[in-house]
Amino acid sequence: MSCPIEEIVKHYEFDPSIIQRIAKRTSKPALSIEPPNPNWPQQFQEIQSLIKNAVGPVAVSITHVGSTSVPNLPAKDVIDIDLAVENPSDEDAYAPALENAGFQFLIREPEWNEHRFFAMHKPYSCNLHVFKVGTAELARHLIMKEWLIEHDDDRDLYAKTKMEAAGVSNSLGETVGEYNFRKENVIRAILERAFKAKGYLS
């Protein structure tokens, strides 16, 4: 199932009112931007195997996304993964299995790409995003990843933005959400360049 281009290019406006909090993190990750780690791809492979073994054929795709998926990009030492499933609302098909595998079910956002969010802290830190297959955010994550891999200038810009945002957020005692908001305008500008290159925007 493909996603309409108009959905892919539409920027997400964060709405806390649609978030259903399932639990609080058992461990709070540090807001620290680390140098690129050559072990991140292998860490993803290990977590991917864990997810496959846990949920089996429910997983349509398991994709390494986010900054740790981009070579030579500094990042928080957290592996971001997109898990695409046919029906995220059928949580019984995957949530208990993921929890048994060591993930913590934290957030449900049915109105935003049917998103569910899980986190794991051992053996590695991982943010696991469950989306309905074919939804816009899956496409946006891949477009951002591929663009940063292919364009050194925007990768360097994003690295600089991340480090500056983390510095300010840490000095003010802000949350990871507030740190993410500080990066938002740069992320949107990079995505728009990628969308234009694909012919999605004029």
C-alpha atoms as a PDB file:
ATOM      1  CA  MET A   1       0.000   0.000   0.000  1.00  0.00           C
ATOM      2  CA  SER A   2       1.450   3.344  -1.060  1.00  0.00           C
ATOM      3  CA  CYS A   3       0.830   6.630   0.708  1.00  0.00           C
ATOM      4  CA  PRO A   4      -0.493   9.720  -1.121  1.00  0.00           C
ATOM      5  CA  ILE A   5       2.220  12.295  -1.763  1.00  0.00           C
ATOM      6  CA  GLU A   6       0.134  15.035  -0.140  1.00  0.00           C
ATOM      7  CA  GLU A   7       0.257  13.063   3.105  1.00  0.00           C
ATOM      8  CA  ILE A   8       4.026  12.560   2.903  1.00  0.00           C
ATOM      9  CA  VAL A   9       4.807  16.256   2.397  1.00  0.00           C
ATOM     10  CA  LYS A  10       2.424  17.461   5.128  1.00  0.00           C
ATOM     11  CA  HIS A  11       4.367  18.414   8.252  1.00  0.00           C
ATOM     12  CA  TYR A  12       3.167  16.938  11.509  1.00  0.00           C
ATOM     13  CA  GLU A  13       1.934  19.392  14.140  1.00  0.00           C
ATOM     14  CA  PHE A  14       2.484  17.879  17.566  1.00  0.00           C
ATOM     15  CA  ASP A  15      -0.752  17.610  19.529  1.00  0.00           C
ATOM     16  CA  PRO A  16      -0.299  16.336  23.101  1.00  0.00           C
ATOM     17  CA  SER A  17      -4.059  15.904  23.482  1.00  0.00           C
ATOM     18  CA  ILE A  18      -4.067  12.841  21.200  1.00  0.00           C
ATOM     19  CA  ILE A  19      -1.343  11.016  23.124  1.00  0.00           C
ATOM     20  CA  GLN A  20      -2.399   8.137  25.343  1.00  0.00           C
ATOM     21  CA  ARG A  21       0.367   7.469  27.854  1.00  0.00           C
ATOM     22  CA  ILE A  22       0.562   3.807  28.750  1.00  0.00           C
ATOM     23  CA  ALA A  23       3.507   4.009  31.161  1.00  0.00           C
ATOM     24  CA  LYS A  24       6.500   6.085  32.171  1.00  0.00           C
ATOM     25  CA  ARG A  25       9.994   5.077  31.164  1.00  0.00           C
ATOM     26  CA  THR A  26      11.764   2.838  33.633  1.00  0.00           C
ATOM     27  CA  SER A  27      15.032   4.458  32.554  1.00  0.00           C
ATOM     28  CA  LYS A  28      15.517   8.014  31.294  1.00  0.00           C
ATOM     29  CA  PRO A  29      18.008   8.212  28.403  1.00  0.00           C
ATOM     30  CA  ALA A  30      20.696  10.861  28.561  1.00  0.00           C
ATOM     31  CA  LEU A  31      20.391  13.767  26.145  1.00  0.00           C
ATOM     32  CA  SER A  32      23.919  13.401  24.829  1.00  0.00           C
ATOM     33  CA  ILE A  33      25.017  13.578  21.190  1.00  0.00           C
ATOM     34  CA  GLU A  34      27.724  10.985  20.584  1.00  0.00           C
ATOM     35  CA  PRO A  35      30.237  10.712  17.726  1.00  0.00           C
ATOM     36  CA  PRO A  36      29.236   8.281  14.962  1.00  0.00           C
ATOM     37  CA  ASN A  37      29.541   4.725  16.247  1.00  0.00           C
ATOM     38  CA  PRO A  38      30.446   1.986  13.735  1.00  0.00           C
ATOM     39  CA  ASN A  39      28.655  -0.523  15.990  1.00  0.00           C
ATOM     40  CA  TRP A  40      25.204   1.035  15.512  1.00  0.00           C
ATOM     41  CA  PRO A  41      24.336  -1.020  12.383  1.00  0.00           C
ATOM     42  CA  GLN A  42      25.241  -4.247  14.189  1.00  0.00           C
ATOM     43  CA  GLN A  43      23.195  -3.197  17.208  1.00  0.00           C
ATOM     44  CA  PHE A  44      20.239  -2.681  14.879  1.00  0.00           C
ATOM     45  CA  GLN A  45      20.722  -6.161  13.408  1.00  0.00           C
ATOM     46  CA  GLU A  46      20.624  -7.708  16.875  1.00  0.00           C
ATOM     47  CA  ILE A  47      17.491  -5.795  17.880  1.00  0.00           C
ATOM     48  CA  GLN A  48      15.874  -6.584  14.528  1.00  0.00           C
ATOM     49  CA  SER A  49      16.396 -10.299  15.183  1.00  0.00           C
ATOM     50  CA  LEU A  50      14.881  -9.881  18.639  1.00  0.00           C
ATOM     51  CA  ILE A  51      11.793  -8.218  17.156  1.00  0.00           C
ATOM     52  CA  LYS A  52      11.454 -10.832  14.396  1.00  0.00           C
ATOM     53  CA  ASN A  53      11.639 -13.645  16.907  1.00  0.00           C
ATOM     54  CA  ALA A  54       9.089 -11.902  19.126  1.00  0.00           C
ATOM     55  CA  VAL A  55       6.357 -10.947  16.654  1.00  0.00           C
ATOM     56  CA  GLY A  56       7.025 -13.244  13.704  1.00  0.00           C
ATOM     57  CA  PRO A  57       4.944 -12.631  10.562  1.00  0.00           C
ATOM     58  CA  VAL A  58       3.102  -9.706  12.164  1.00  0.00           C
ATOM     59  CA  ALA A  59       6.153  -7.629  11.185  1.00  0.00           C
ATOM     60  CA  VAL A  60       5.722  -6.465   7.585  1.00  0.00           C
ATOM     61  CA  SER A  61       9.014  -4.572   7.777  1.00  0.00           C
ATOM     62  CA  ILE A  62      11.605  -3.645  10.396  1.00  0.00           C
ATOM     63  CA  THR A  63      13.700  -0.649   9.372  1.00  0.00           C
ATOM     64  CA  HIS A  64      16.653   1.158  10.919  1.00  0.00           C
ATOM     65  CA  VAL A  65      15.849   4.883  10.785  1.00  0.00           C
ATOM     66  CA  GLY A  66      16.936   8.051  12.559  1.00  0.00           C
ATOM     67  CA  SER A  67      20.419   9.409  13.024  1.00  0.00           C
ATOM     68  CA  THR A  68      22.107   6.135  14.002  1.00  0.00           C
ATOM     69  CA  SER A  69      21.129   4.757  10.578  1.00  0.00           C
ATOM     70  CA  VAL A  70      23.127   7.467   8.765  1.00  0.00           C
ATOM     71  CA  PRO A  71      26.896   6.881   8.501  1.00  0.00           C
ATOM     72  CA  ASN A  72      29.076   9.718   9.820  1.00  0.00           C
ATOM     73  CA  LEU A  73      26.213  11.441  11.649  1.00  0.00           C
ATOM     74  CA  PRO A  74      26.531  12.143  15.392  1.00  0.00           C
ATOM     75  CA  ALA A  75      23.519  10.927  17.358  1.00  0.00           C
ATOM     76  CA  LYS A  76      22.050  10.029  20.694  1.00  0.00           C
ATOM     77  CA  ASP A  77      23.163   6.485  21.502  1.00  0.00           C
ATOM     78  CA  VAL A  78      19.663   5.165  20.806  1.00  0.00           C
ATOM     79  CA  ILE A  79      18.706   2.924  17.885  1.00  0.00           C
ATOM     80  CA  ASP A  80      15.506   4.130  16.183  1.00  0.00           C
ATOM     81  CA  ILE A  81      13.456   1.436  14.478  1.00  0.00           C
ATOM     82  CA  ASP A  82      10.213   1.525  12.493  1.00  0.00           C
ATOM     83  CA  LEU A  83       8.073  -1.606  12.750  1.00  0.00           C
ATOM     84  CA  ALA A  84       5.335  -1.685  10.115  1.00  0.00           C
ATOM     85  CA  VAL A  85       2.317  -3.909  10.798  1.00  0.00           C
ATOM     86  CA  GLU A  86      -1.001  -4.384   9.029  1.00  0.00           C
ATOM     87  CA  ASN A  87      -3.166  -3.428  12.005  1.00  0.00           C
ATOM     88  CA  PRO A  88      -1.560  -1.489  14.872  1.00  0.00           C
ATOM     89  CA  SER A  89      -4.897  -1.364  16.712  1.00  0.00           C
ATOM     90  CA  ASP A  90      -4.641  -5.135  17.200  1.00  0.00           C
ATOM     91  CA  GLU A  91      -2.134  -4.652  19.989  1.00  0.00           C
ATOM     92  CA  ASP A  92      -2.568  -8.200  21.266  1.00  0.00           C
ATOM     93  CA  ALA A  93      -0.835  -9.375  18.088  1.00  0.00           C
ATOM     94  CA  TYR A  94       2.462  -7.715  18.985  1.00  0.00           C
ATOM     95  CA  ALA A  95       2.533  -5.715  22.248  1.00  0.00           C
ATOM     96  CA  PRO A  96       2.733  -8.619  24.739  1.00  0.00           C
ATOM     97  CA  ALA A  97       5.405 -10.305  22.616  1.00  0.00           C
ATOM     98  CA  LEU A  98       7.464  -7.111  22.481  1.00  0.00           C
ATOM     99  CA  GLU A  99       7.103  -6.614  26.225  1.00  0.00           C
ATOM    100  CA  ASN A 100       8.243 -10.196  26.834  1.00  0.00           C
ATOM    101  CA  ALA A 101      11.269  -9.444  24.642  1.00  0.00           C
ATOM    102  CA  GLY A 102      12.263  -6.505  26.850  1.00  0.00           C
ATOM    103  CA  PHE A 103      10.416  -3.540  25.352  1.00  0.00           C
ATOM    104  CA  GLN A 104       8.285  -1.168  27.425  1.00  0.00           C
ATOM    105  CA  PHE A 105       4.974   0.009  25.896  1.00  0.00           C
ATOM    106  CA  LEU A 106       4.902   3.774  26.515  1.00  0.00           C
ATOM    107  CA  ILE A 107       2.601   5.659  24.144  1.00  0.00           C
ATOM    108  CA  ARG A 108      -0.410   5.117  21.900  1.00  0.00           C
ATOM    109  CA  GLU A 109      -1.317   7.707  19.195  1.00  0.00           C
ATOM    110  CA  PRO A 110      -4.122   6.185  17.089  1.00  0.00           C
ATOM    111  CA  GLU A 111      -4.832   9.438  15.242  1.00  0.00           C
ATOM    112  CA  TRP A 112      -1.244   9.852  14.010  1.00  0.00           C
ATOM    113  CA  ASN A 113      -0.392   7.058  11.569  1.00  0.00           C
ATOM    114  CA  GLU A 114      -1.804   4.632  14.190  1.00  0.00           C
ATOM    115  CA  HIS A 115       1.468   5.083  16.069  1.00  0.00           C
ATOM    116  CA  ARG A 116       2.526   3.021  19.077  1.00  0.00           C
ATOM    117  CA  PHE A 117       5.819   3.681  20.840  1.00  0.00           C
ATOM    118  CA  PHE A 118       7.986   1.222  22.740  1.00  0.00           C
ATOM    119  CA  ALA A 119      11.423   1.617  24.323  1.00  0.00           C
ATOM    120  CA  MET A 120      14.148  -0.806  25.313  1.00  0.00           C
ATOM    121  CA  HIS A 121      17.220  -0.122  27.429  1.00  0.00           C
ATOM    122  CA  LYS A 122      19.125  -3.428  27.444  1.00  0.00           C
ATOM    123  CA  PRO A 123      21.256  -4.717  25.800  1.00  0.00           C
ATOM    124  CA  TYR A 124      21.039  -1.442  23.844  1.00  0.00           C
ATOM    125  CA  SER A 125      18.836   1.637  23.992  1.00  0.00           C
ATOM    126  CA  CYS A 126      16.143   1.502  21.328  1.00  0.00           C
ATOM    127  CA  ASN A 127      13.103   3.572  20.376  1.00  0.00           C
ATOM    128  CA  LEU A 128      10.641   1.343  18.527  1.00  0.00           C
ATOM    129  CA  HIS A 129       7.893   3.010  16.501  1.00  0.00           C
ATOM    130  CA  VAL A 130       4.986   0.843  15.360  1.00  0.00           C
ATOM    131  CA  PHE A 131       3.083   2.233  12.369  1.00  0.00           C
ATOM    132  CA  LYS A 132       0.443   0.938  10.002  1.00  0.00           C
ATOM    133  CA  VAL A 133       2.117  -0.273   6.824  1.00  0.00           C
ATOM    134  CA  GLY A 134       2.036   2.310   4.027  1.00  0.00           C
ATOM    135  CA  THR A 135       1.556   5.377   6.232  1.00  0.00           C
ATOM    136  CA  ALA A 136       3.246   8.721   5.652  1.00  0.00           C
ATOM    137  CA  GLU A 137       5.676   8.719   8.547  1.00  0.00           C
ATOM    138  CA  LEU A 138       7.338   5.523   7.338  1.00  0.00           C
ATOM    139  CA  ALA A 139       7.986   7.213   3.995  1.00  0.00           C
ATOM    140  CA  ARG A 140       9.222  10.430   5.605  1.00  0.00           C
ATOM    141  CA  HIS A 141      11.716   8.563   7.784  1.00  0.00           C
ATOM    142  CA  LEU A 142      13.182   6.755   4.769  1.00  0.00           C
ATOM    143  CA  ILE A 143      13.335   9.918   2.665  1.00  0.00           C
ATOM    144  CA  MET A 144      15.177  11.762   5.439  1.00  0.00           C
ATOM    145  CA  LYS A 145      17.605   8.864   5.935  1.00  0.00           C
ATOM    146  CA  GLU A 146      18.410   8.512   2.239  1.00  0.00           C
ATOM    147  CA  TRP A 147      18.802  12.263   1.756  1.00  0.00           C
ATOM    148  CA  LEU A 148      21.239  12.632   4.648  1.00  0.00           C
ATOM    149  CA  ILE A 149      23.286   9.667   3.425  1.00  0.00           C
ATOM    150  CA  GLU A 150      23.588  11.229  -0.030  1.00  0.00           C
ATOM    151  CA  HIS A 151      24.018  14.925   0.901  1.00  0.00           C
ATOM    152  CA  ASP A 152      26.998  15.814   3.072  1.00  0.00           C
ATOM    153  CA  ASP A 153      25.973  19.468   3.394  1.00  0.00           C
ATOM    154  CA  ASP A 154      22.610  18.702   4.950  1.00  0.00           C
ATOM    155  CA  ARG A 155      24.106  15.925   7.076  1.00  0.00           C
ATOM    156  CA  ASP A 156      26.620  18.427   8.458  1.00  0.00           C
ATOM    157  CA  LEU A 157      23.868  21.010   8.975  1.00  0.00           C
ATOM    158  CA  TYR A 158      21.778  18.496  10.865  1.00  0.00           C
ATOM    159  CA  ALA A 159      24.736  17.409  13.000  1.00  0.00           C
ATOM    160  CA  LYS A 160      25.411  21.040  13.934  1.00  0.00           C
ATOM    161  CA  THR A 161      21.730  21.609  14.709  1.00  0.00           C
ATOM    162  CA  LYS A 162      21.545  18.524  16.921  1.00  0.00           C
ATOM    163  CA  MET A 163      24.601  19.462  18.947  1.00  0.00           C
ATOM    164  CA  GLU A 164      23.456  23.062  19.398  1.00  0.00           C
ATOM    165  CA  ALA A 165      19.943  21.957  20.394  1.00  0.00           C
ATOM    166  CA  ALA A 166      21.283  19.415  22.885  1.00  0.00           C
ATOM    167  CA  GLY A 167      23.582  22.025  24.403  1.00  0.00           C
ATOM    168  CA  VAL A 168      20.741  24.484  24.953  1.00  0.00           C
ATOM    169  CA  SER A 169      18.288  21.832  26.152  1.00  0.00           C
ATOM    170  CA  ASN A 170      20.767  20.398  28.638  1.00  0.00           C
ATOM    171  CA  SER A 171      21.622  23.851  29.977  1.00  0.00           C
ATOM    172  CA  LEU A 172      17.913  24.586  30.537  1.00  0.00           C
ATOM    173  CA  GLY A 173      17.017  21.145  31.859  1.00  0.00           C
ATOM    174  CA  GLU A 174      14.628  20.485  28.979  1.00  0.00           C
ATOM    175  CA  THR A 175      13.066  17.193  27.946  1.00  0.00           C
ATOM    176  CA  VAL A 176      13.871  15.163  24.837  1.00  0.00           C
ATOM    177  CA  GLY A 177      10.597  16.432  23.391  1.00  0.00           C
ATOM    178  CA  GLU A 178      11.738  20.024  23.814  1.00  0.00           C
ATOM    179  CA  TYR A 179      15.089  19.119  22.255  1.00  0.00           C
ATOM    180  CA  ASN A 180      13.243  17.645  19.272  1.00  0.00           C
ATOM    181  CA  PHE A 181      11.183  20.823  18.918  1.00  0.00           C
ATOM    182  CA  ARG A 182      14.410  22.862  18.723  1.00  0.00           C
ATOM    183  CA  LYS A 183      15.428  20.820  15.651  1.00  0.00           C
ATOM    184  CA  GLU A 184      12.053  20.970  13.947  1.00  0.00           C
ATOM    185  CA  ASN A 185      12.566  23.886  11.543  1.00  0.00           C
ATOM    186  CA  VAL A 186      15.846  22.483  10.221  1.00  0.00           C
ATOM    187  CA  ILE A 187      14.350  19.007   9.798  1.00  0.00           C
ATOM    188  CA  ARG A 188      11.432  20.466   7.855  1.00  0.00           C
ATOM    189  CA  ALA A 189      13.755  22.485   5.612  1.00  0.00           C
ATOM    190  CA  ILE A 190      15.864  19.401   4.853  1.00  0.00           C
ATOM    191  CA  LEU A 191      12.780  17.316   4.127  1.00  0.00           C
ATOM    192  CA  GLU A 192      11.414  19.970   1.797  1.00  0.00           C
ATOM    193  CA  ARG A 193      14.653  19.911  -0.210  1.00  0.00           C
ATOM    194  CA  ALA A 194      14.331  16.136  -0.440  1.00  0.00           C
ATOM    195  CA  PHE A 195      10.668  16.387  -1.449  1.00  0.00           C
ATOM    196  CA  LYS A 196      11.509  18.896  -4.197  1.00  0.00           C
ATOM    197  CA  ALA A 197      14.277  16.640  -5.509  1.00  0.00           C
ATOM    198  CA  LYS A 198      11.737  13.803  -5.754  1.00  0.00           C
ATOM    199  CA  GLY A 199       9.234  16.044  -7.534  1.00  0.00           C
ATOM    200  CA  TYR A 200       6.825  15.952  -4.600  1.00  0.00           C
ATOM    201  CA  LEU A 201       6.963  19.758  -4.229  1.00  0.00           C
ATOM    202  CA  SER A 202       7.462  22.437  -6.869  1.00  0.00           C
END
